[in-house]
């Protein structure tokens, strides 16, 4: 089903403040450069009392080999919180915030989004989240609110992609054409999975011939299942009833690689192990 995205350029330039909405949906996003923070603080009618999920993001020059920094948080007073971050955190140059156009999203649900966003961002590893000292405990929301809340979070992820932020986007992983064969090999096994791979510069390459699980865990989101299904159709082939990888493939992080191989959520730093049984994190400590 197609979706219509409305983008308002408040400053008449893509480099200025942007407001994004989705037709017939309640999720809306504000993209505010740090130098335009006074504009954000002057929006009490639109944002006062709103429960907000927000991200502080660092931009790096093209070609930089460093990961940009990010901070993910939530608040019921974004004006106060933004001013506080402006005085205490130096790394960021823009803030992106998400809220509902009505009062349907509660503060408990925004805390639920915060937990999901931090957890997924840490697994995908496109950004360094050193400023997030710990992952907040996920909030339990009523069963009747689970589906609407998850739909809202999927809209958040879609708008982030449109904005050009891949902090929650796994799709930037790519096929790998060359790999130093002297790099140590790590292994992972599951119910019907058996794979090998190598780690290099923050990325993880699963080797040709690795066996991927034929099924996904019930906890896998429908969107996640769709992406994994597409990946398998494009990069795997059935050999003697097993899903085998047709070519070496590099994922953006060890955890994303493990998740695709096993068909369930996994911490790749722990589940990928060398011949001695040492987890990846012991051989290549995370920086």
Protein backbone atom coordinates (compact mmCIF):
# COMPACT_ATOMS: atom_id res chain seq x y z
CA UNK A 1 0.00 0.00 0.00
CA UNK A 2 1.38 3.40 -0.98
CA UNK A 3 1.91 6.16 1.57
CA UNK A 4 1.96 9.91 1.10
CA UNK A 5 4.68 11.76 2.99
CA UNK A 6 4.32 15.50 3.48
CA UNK A 7 7.54 17.45 4.10
CA UNK A 8 7.39 21.09 5.15
CA UNK A 9 10.61 23.07 4.76
CA UNK A 10 10.15 25.68 7.47
CA UNK A 11 13.24 27.63 6.35
CA UNK A 12 12.62 27.02 2.61
CA UNK A 13 15.74 24.84 2.44
CA UNK A 14 16.43 21.12 3.11
CA UNK A 15 19.28 22.20 5.38
CA UNK A 16 16.86 23.97 7.74
CA UNK A 17 13.96 22.84 9.92
CA UNK A 18 11.76 20.12 8.42
CA UNK A 19 8.37 18.81 9.57
CA UNK A 20 7.31 15.42 8.20
CA UNK A 21 3.87 13.86 8.38
CA UNK A 22 2.26 10.77 6.85
CA UNK A 23 -1.19 11.10 5.33
CA UNK A 24 -3.86 9.46 7.51
CA UNK A 25 -1.28 8.53 10.19
CA UNK A 26 -0.58 10.19 13.53
CA UNK A 27 3.24 9.95 13.53
CA UNK A 28 5.01 13.21 12.81
CA UNK A 29 8.69 14.13 12.84
CA UNK A 30 10.62 17.35 13.40
CA UNK A 31 14.18 17.69 12.09
CA UNK A 32 15.90 20.64 13.72
CA UNK A 33 19.53 21.70 13.15
CA UNK A 34 21.22 22.67 16.41
CA UNK A 35 21.67 26.25 15.25
CA UNK A 36 17.87 26.45 14.87
CA UNK A 37 17.16 25.26 18.40
CA UNK A 38 15.51 28.61 19.26
CA UNK A 39 12.81 27.72 16.71
CA UNK A 40 12.08 24.47 18.54
CA UNK A 41 11.97 26.13 21.93
CA UNK A 42 9.46 28.63 20.56
CA UNK A 43 6.90 25.93 19.65
CA UNK A 44 4.97 25.47 22.93
CA UNK A 45 1.56 25.27 21.25
CA UNK A 46 2.61 22.35 19.03
CA UNK A 47 4.77 20.41 21.48
CA UNK A 48 3.96 21.41 25.05
CA UNK A 49 2.99 18.35 27.08
CA UNK A 50 3.65 15.95 24.20
CA UNK A 51 5.37 12.64 24.91
CA UNK A 52 8.34 12.69 22.54
CA UNK A 53 10.92 10.21 21.28
CA UNK A 54 14.04 12.07 20.15
CA UNK A 55 17.49 11.47 18.71
CA UNK A 56 20.57 13.68 18.92
CA UNK A 57 22.72 13.00 15.85
CA UNK A 58 26.23 13.82 14.76
CA UNK A 59 27.04 14.38 11.08
CA UNK A 60 30.47 13.40 9.74
CA UNK A 61 32.21 14.38 6.48
CA UNK A 62 31.68 12.09 3.50
CA UNK A 63 34.26 9.32 3.40
CA UNK A 64 34.83 9.33 7.14
CA UNK A 65 35.69 5.88 8.52
CA UNK A 66 34.37 6.78 11.98
CA UNK A 67 30.89 5.98 13.18
CA UNK A 68 28.83 9.07 13.98
CA UNK A 69 27.59 9.48 17.53
CA UNK A 70 23.97 9.47 18.59
CA UNK A 71 21.85 9.70 21.69
CA UNK A 72 18.29 8.37 21.97
CA UNK A 73 15.89 9.57 24.64
CA UNK A 74 12.30 10.39 25.53
CA UNK A 75 10.65 13.21 27.41
CA UNK A 76 7.38 14.96 28.20
CA UNK A 77 9.10 18.37 28.01
CA UNK A 78 11.18 18.54 24.85
CA UNK A 79 11.86 22.26 25.11
CA UNK A 80 13.48 21.89 28.54
CA UNK A 81 15.32 18.71 27.54
CA UNK A 82 16.66 20.25 24.32
CA UNK A 83 18.04 23.25 26.22
CA UNK A 84 19.67 20.90 28.72
CA UNK A 85 21.34 18.84 25.98
CA UNK A 86 22.49 22.03 24.25
CA UNK A 87 24.43 23.01 27.36
CA UNK A 88 25.76 19.54 28.28
CA UNK A 89 26.34 17.51 25.09
CA UNK A 90 28.75 18.82 22.48
CA UNK A 91 28.76 16.11 19.78
CA UNK A 92 25.40 16.62 18.08
CA UNK A 93 24.41 18.97 15.27
CA UNK A 94 20.73 18.11 14.80
CA UNK A 95 17.84 16.73 16.78
CA UNK A 96 15.06 14.60 15.33
CA UNK A 97 11.93 14.17 17.40
CA UNK A 98 8.79 12.12 16.96
CA UNK A 99 5.37 12.64 18.51
CA UNK A 100 1.72 12.00 17.73
CA UNK A 101 -0.45 14.58 16.04
CA UNK A 102 -3.08 13.83 18.70
CA UNK A 103 -2.94 12.60 22.30
CA UNK A 104 -3.21 8.93 21.40
CA UNK A 105 0.41 8.02 22.22
CA UNK A 106 1.12 7.87 25.96
CA UNK A 107 4.35 8.46 27.88
CA UNK A 108 4.51 4.73 28.66
CA UNK A 109 4.40 3.93 24.95
CA UNK A 110 7.15 6.46 24.24
CA UNK A 111 9.29 4.74 26.89
CA UNK A 112 8.54 1.50 25.02
CA UNK A 113 9.76 3.17 21.79
CA UNK A 114 12.90 4.40 23.52
CA UNK A 115 13.79 0.87 24.62
CA UNK A 116 13.14 -0.57 21.15
CA UNK A 117 15.10 2.19 19.40
CA UNK A 118 18.17 1.87 21.62
CA UNK A 119 18.12 -1.93 21.45
CA UNK A 120 17.84 -2.00 17.66
CA UNK A 121 20.40 0.78 17.15
CA UNK A 122 22.91 -1.12 19.29
CA UNK A 123 22.35 -4.27 17.24
CA UNK A 124 22.58 -2.52 13.86
CA UNK A 125 25.64 -0.51 14.98
CA UNK A 126 25.51 2.27 12.39
CA UNK A 127 26.04 4.83 15.19
CA UNK A 128 27.99 4.89 18.45
CA UNK A 129 25.61 5.24 21.38
CA UNK A 130 28.24 5.90 24.03
CA UNK A 131 26.12 8.70 25.49
CA UNK A 132 23.36 6.18 26.26
CA UNK A 133 25.00 4.77 29.37
CA UNK A 134 22.48 1.94 29.70
CA UNK A 135 19.50 0.45 27.91
CA UNK A 136 16.32 1.45 29.77
CA UNK A 137 14.03 -1.34 30.85
CA UNK A 138 11.26 -1.86 28.33
CA UNK A 139 7.82 -0.80 29.45
CA UNK A 140 4.90 -3.20 29.28
CA UNK A 141 1.96 -1.77 27.39
CA UNK A 142 -1.62 -3.11 27.30
CA UNK A 143 -2.27 -5.84 24.76
CA UNK A 144 -4.85 -3.74 22.91
CA UNK A 145 -2.22 -1.00 22.44
CA UNK A 146 0.62 -3.26 21.25
CA UNK A 147 -0.31 -3.31 17.54
CA UNK A 148 -0.96 0.48 17.26
CA UNK A 149 2.28 1.18 19.14
CA UNK A 150 4.32 -1.10 16.87
CA UNK A 151 2.73 0.53 13.81
CA UNK A 152 3.75 3.94 15.13
CA UNK A 153 7.32 2.73 15.67
CA UNK A 154 7.47 1.38 12.10
CA UNK A 155 6.43 4.84 10.91
CA UNK A 156 9.26 6.31 12.99
CA UNK A 157 11.74 4.01 11.24
CA UNK A 158 10.34 4.85 7.81
CA UNK A 159 10.56 8.61 8.42
CA UNK A 160 14.14 8.23 9.67
CA UNK A 161 15.04 6.52 6.40
CA UNK A 162 13.38 9.30 4.39
CA UNK A 163 15.29 11.88 6.43
CA UNK A 164 18.50 10.06 5.53
CA UNK A 165 19.28 8.60 8.95
CA UNK A 166 20.09 4.87 8.92
CA UNK A 167 20.39 4.39 12.68
CA UNK A 168 17.52 1.86 12.61
CA UNK A 169 17.95 0.67 9.00
CA UNK A 170 19.49 -2.74 8.37
CA UNK A 171 19.14 -2.50 4.60
CA UNK A 172 22.49 -0.74 4.04
CA UNK A 173 24.34 -4.03 4.40
CA UNK A 174 25.96 -5.13 1.13
CA UNK A 175 27.60 -8.03 -0.65
CA UNK A 176 31.31 -8.34 -0.02
CA UNK A 177 33.75 -9.12 -2.81
CA UNK A 178 37.12 -9.52 -1.09
CA UNK A 179 38.19 -10.60 2.37
CA UNK A 180 41.55 -11.29 3.95
CA UNK A 181 41.65 -15.07 4.35
CA UNK A 182 44.04 -14.68 7.29
CA UNK A 183 41.20 -13.13 9.31
CA UNK A 184 40.07 -15.53 12.09
CA UNK A 185 36.86 -17.43 11.40
CA UNK A 186 33.90 -17.45 13.79
CA UNK A 187 31.02 -19.90 13.88
CA UNK A 188 27.38 -19.97 14.89
CA UNK A 189 24.84 -22.80 15.11
CA UNK A 190 21.10 -22.91 15.63
CA UNK A 191 18.22 -25.34 15.32
CA UNK A 192 18.73 -25.66 11.56
CA UNK A 193 21.50 -23.11 11.02
CA UNK A 194 25.25 -23.60 10.73
CA UNK A 195 27.32 -20.65 9.55
CA UNK A 196 30.86 -19.31 9.49
CA UNK A 197 32.07 -15.76 9.11
CA UNK A 198 34.82 -13.23 9.67
CA UNK A 199 34.91 -9.87 11.42
CA UNK A 200 36.62 -6.76 10.04
CA UNK A 201 36.33 -3.04 10.84
CA UNK A 202 33.00 -3.32 12.62
CA UNK A 203 31.36 -5.39 9.87
CA UNK A 204 30.78 -9.13 9.71
CA UNK A 205 31.04 -11.26 6.57
CA UNK A 206 29.12 -14.55 6.50
CA UNK A 207 30.91 -17.02 4.25
CA UNK A 208 29.61 -18.76 1.14
CA UNK A 209 27.98 -22.10 1.91
CA UNK A 210 26.76 -21.10 5.37
CA UNK A 211 23.38 -22.58 6.27
CA UNK A 212 20.59 -20.19 7.27
CA UNK A 213 17.58 -21.19 9.37
CA UNK A 214 14.45 -21.97 7.35
CA UNK A 215 12.17 -20.38 9.96
CA UNK A 216 11.84 -17.20 11.99
CA UNK A 217 11.02 -16.85 15.67
CA UNK A 218 7.49 -15.63 16.52
CA UNK A 219 9.04 -12.45 17.95
CA UNK A 220 10.32 -11.45 14.50
CA UNK A 221 8.37 -8.43 13.21
CA UNK A 222 6.48 -8.76 9.94
CA UNK A 223 8.77 -6.13 8.41
CA UNK A 224 11.83 -8.03 9.65
CA UNK A 225 10.49 -11.25 8.18
CA UNK A 226 9.91 -9.50 4.87
CA UNK A 227 13.48 -8.20 4.71
CA UNK A 228 14.92 -11.59 5.66
CA UNK A 229 12.73 -13.37 3.10
CA UNK A 230 13.92 -10.99 0.38
CA UNK A 231 17.53 -11.53 1.44
CA UNK A 232 17.15 -15.33 1.30
CA UNK A 233 15.48 -15.20 -2.11
CA UNK A 234 18.32 -13.09 -3.49
CA UNK A 235 21.35 -14.60 -1.77
CA UNK A 236 20.55 -18.19 -0.75
CA UNK A 237 19.84 -21.39 -2.61
CA UNK A 238 18.35 -24.71 -1.48
CA UNK A 239 20.88 -27.55 -1.44
CA UNK A 240 19.71 -30.92 -0.12
CA UNK A 241 16.92 -29.19 1.76
CA UNK A 242 19.22 -26.61 3.36
CA UNK A 243 19.31 -22.83 2.78
CA UNK A 244 22.90 -22.16 1.77
CA UNK A 245 24.45 -18.74 1.13
CA UNK A 246 25.47 -18.39 -2.52
CA UNK A 247 28.31 -15.92 -1.92
CA UNK A 248 30.18 -14.19 0.85
CA UNK A 249 27.96 -11.44 2.24
CA UNK A 250 28.93 -8.59 4.56
CA UNK A 251 26.48 -7.35 7.15
CA UNK A 252 26.85 -4.03 8.88
CA UNK A 253 27.27 -5.68 12.29
CA UNK A 254 27.83 -9.12 13.87
CA UNK A 255 24.36 -8.97 15.46
CA UNK A 256 22.56 -8.34 12.18
CA UNK A 257 24.47 -11.26 10.65
CA UNK A 258 23.51 -13.54 13.55
CA UNK A 259 19.88 -12.47 13.39
CA UNK A 260 19.61 -13.25 9.68
CA UNK A 261 21.37 -16.61 10.06
CA UNK A 262 19.35 -17.78 13.07
CA UNK A 263 16.00 -16.19 12.22
CA UNK A 264 15.70 -14.65 15.68
CA UNK A 265 17.07 -11.80 17.77
CA UNK A 266 20.69 -12.43 18.74
CA UNK A 267 23.70 -10.64 20.17
CA UNK A 268 26.31 -11.48 17.56
CA UNK A 269 29.18 -10.38 19.78
CA UNK A 270 28.36 -13.33 22.03
CA UNK A 271 26.89 -15.92 19.64
CA UNK A 272 29.70 -15.87 17.05
CA UNK A 273 32.56 -17.97 18.49
CA UNK A 274 35.96 -19.08 17.26
CA UNK A 275 37.32 -22.65 17.22
CA UNK A 276 38.27 -22.33 20.89
CA UNK A 277 34.74 -21.36 21.86
CA UNK A 278 35.69 -17.74 22.57
CA UNK A 279 32.94 -15.25 21.71
CA UNK A 280 33.71 -12.50 19.23
CA UNK A 281 33.65 -9.85 21.96
CA UNK A 282 36.59 -11.54 23.72
CA UNK A 283 38.69 -11.61 20.55
CA UNK A 284 37.64 -8.19 19.25
CA UNK A 285 36.54 -6.12 22.28
CA UNK A 286 33.95 -3.51 21.37
CA UNK A 287 35.29 0.02 21.46
